[in-house]
């Protein structure tokens, strides 16, 4: 019975680590998206869509990863 408890604890710890990693990567994506947001104003002037799409997609992925990681981390604690 002690072995099953250990396996369950290991699975919980691994799930919390994955959630923390996802939240950290999401925050990193948000920061990079914020830095890339500087070039959005230049994109408006030049007429290119690259920076707007890049910042939007990276920001959305970062937001989703951060939300999922935070929710999952609180759910497993």
C-alpha atoms as a PDB file:
ATOM      1  CA  UNK A   1       0.000   0.000   0.000  1.00  0.00           C
ATOM      2  CA  UNK A   2       2.895   2.349   0.717  1.00  0.00           C
ATOM      3  CA  UNK A   3       4.158   1.827  -2.825  1.00  0.00           C
ATOM      4  CA  UNK A   4       0.855   3.043  -4.291  1.00  0.00           C
ATOM      5  CA  UNK A   5       0.962   6.144  -2.118  1.00  0.00           C
ATOM      6  CA  UNK A   6       4.470   6.890  -3.362  1.00  0.00           C
ATOM      7  CA  UNK A   7       3.403   6.466  -6.990  1.00  0.00           C
ATOM      8  CA  UNK A   8       0.445   8.793  -6.429  1.00  0.00           C
ATOM      9  CA  UNK A   9       2.683  11.398  -4.752  1.00  0.00           C
ATOM     10  CA  UNK A  10       5.197  11.193  -7.595  1.00  0.00           C
ATOM     11  CA  UNK A  11       2.416  11.725 -10.140  1.00  0.00           C
ATOM     12  CA  UNK A  12       1.143  14.771  -8.231  1.00  0.00           C
ATOM     13  CA  UNK A  13       4.630  16.266  -8.007  1.00  0.00           C
ATOM     14  CA  UNK A  14       5.219  15.676 -11.708  1.00  0.00           C
ATOM     15  CA  UNK A  15       1.882  17.316 -12.585  1.00  0.00           C
ATOM     16  CA  UNK A  16       2.751  20.353 -10.455  1.00  0.00           C
ATOM     17  CA  UNK A  17       6.175  20.619 -12.098  1.00  0.00           C
ATOM     18  CA  UNK A  18       4.623  20.472 -15.569  1.00  0.00           C
ATOM     19  CA  UNK A  19       2.113  23.155 -14.606  1.00  0.00           C
ATOM     20  CA  UNK A  20       4.858  25.381 -13.196  1.00  0.00           C
ATOM     21  CA  UNK A  21       6.941  24.925 -16.343  1.00  0.00           C
ATOM     22  CA  UNK A  22       3.959  25.781 -18.571  1.00  0.00           C
ATOM     23  CA  UNK A  23       3.219  28.913 -16.533  1.00  0.00           C
ATOM     24  CA  UNK A  24       6.872  29.984 -16.681  1.00  0.00           C
ATOM     25  CA  UNK A  25       7.059  29.475 -20.442  1.00  0.00           C
ATOM     26  CA  UNK A  26       3.782  31.362 -20.815  1.00  0.00           C
ATOM     27  CA  UNK A  27       5.176  34.314 -18.866  1.00  0.00           C
ATOM     28  CA  UNK A  28       8.297  34.232 -21.029  1.00  0.00           C
ATOM     29  CA  UNK A  29       6.134  34.306 -24.172  1.00  0.00           C
ATOM     30  CA  UNK A  30       4.190  37.268 -22.780  1.00  0.00           C
ATOM     31  CA  UNK A  31       7.411  39.173 -22.086  1.00  0.00           C
ATOM     32  CA  UNK A  32       8.781  38.449 -25.555  1.00  0.00           C
ATOM     33  CA  UNK A  33       5.436  39.451 -27.038  1.00  0.00           C
ATOM     34  CA  UNK A  34       5.548  42.700 -25.084  1.00  0.00           C
ATOM     35  CA  UNK A  35       9.021  43.448 -26.371  1.00  0.00           C
ATOM     36  CA  UNK A  36       7.893  42.599 -29.899  1.00  0.00           C
ATOM     37  CA  UNK A  37       4.951  44.933 -29.399  1.00  0.00           C
ATOM     38  CA  UNK A  38       7.359  47.822 -29.859  1.00  0.00           C
ATOM     39  CA  UNK A  39       7.519  46.973 -33.554  1.00  0.00           C
ATOM     40  CA  UNK A  40       3.738  46.917 -34.003  1.00  0.00           C
ATOM     41  CA  UNK A  41       3.679  50.690 -34.363  1.00  0.00           C
ATOM     42  CA  UNK A  42       6.347  50.474 -37.061  1.00  0.00           C
ATOM     43  CA  UNK A  43       4.255  47.788 -38.783  1.00  0.00           C
ATOM     44  CA  UNK A  44       1.279  50.158 -38.950  1.00  0.00           C
ATOM     45  CA  UNK A  45       3.398  52.704 -40.788  1.00  0.00           C
ATOM     46  CA  UNK A  46       5.033  50.250 -43.183  1.00  0.00           C
ATOM     47  CA  UNK A  47       1.869  48.258 -43.867  1.00  0.00           C
ATOM     48  CA  UNK A  48       3.322  44.848 -42.991  1.00  0.00           C
ATOM     49  CA  UNK A  49       1.263  42.286 -41.098  1.00  0.00           C
ATOM     50  CA  UNK A  50       4.184  40.246 -39.697  1.00  0.00           C
ATOM     51  CA  UNK A  51       4.652  41.995 -36.352  1.00  0.00           C
ATOM     52  CA  UNK A  52       0.951  42.242 -35.610  1.00  0.00           C
ATOM     53  CA  UNK A  53       0.439  38.537 -36.272  1.00  0.00           C
ATOM     54  CA  UNK A  54       3.646  37.565 -34.444  1.00  0.00           C
ATOM     55  CA  UNK A  55       2.811  39.572 -31.333  1.00  0.00           C
ATOM     56  CA  UNK A  56      -0.817  38.451 -31.364  1.00  0.00           C
ATOM     57  CA  UNK A  57      -0.107  34.733 -31.736  1.00  0.00           C
ATOM     58  CA  UNK A  58       2.778  34.720 -29.260  1.00  0.00           C
ATOM     59  CA  UNK A  59       0.761  36.738 -26.749  1.00  0.00           C
ATOM     60  CA  UNK A  60      -2.240  34.419 -27.088  1.00  0.00           C
ATOM     61  CA  UNK A  61      -0.095  31.305 -26.634  1.00  0.00           C
ATOM     62  CA  UNK A  62       1.605  32.904 -23.636  1.00  0.00           C
ATOM     63  CA  UNK A  63      -1.703  33.853 -22.078  1.00  0.00           C
ATOM     64  CA  UNK A  64      -3.140  30.370 -22.580  1.00  0.00           C
ATOM     65  CA  UNK A  65      -0.049  28.639 -21.176  1.00  0.00           C
ATOM     66  CA  UNK A  66       0.048  30.937 -18.165  1.00  0.00           C
ATOM     67  CA  UNK A  67      -3.655  30.460 -17.444  1.00  0.00           C
ATOM     68  CA  UNK A  68      -3.503  26.673 -17.876  1.00  0.00           C
ATOM     69  CA  UNK A  69      -0.354  26.327 -15.785  1.00  0.00           C
ATOM     70  CA  UNK A  70      -1.695  28.501 -12.983  1.00  0.00           C
ATOM     71  CA  UNK A  71      -5.058  26.713 -12.942  1.00  0.00           C
ATOM     72  CA  UNK A  72      -3.450  23.284 -13.034  1.00  0.00           C
ATOM     73  CA  UNK A  73      -0.926  24.182 -10.333  1.00  0.00           C
ATOM     74  CA  UNK A  74      -3.692  25.359  -7.978  1.00  0.00           C
ATOM     75  CA  UNK A  75      -5.808  22.337  -8.774  1.00  0.00           C
ATOM     76  CA  UNK A  76      -3.018  19.931  -7.775  1.00  0.00           C
ATOM     77  CA  UNK A  77      -1.940  21.740  -4.624  1.00  0.00           C
END
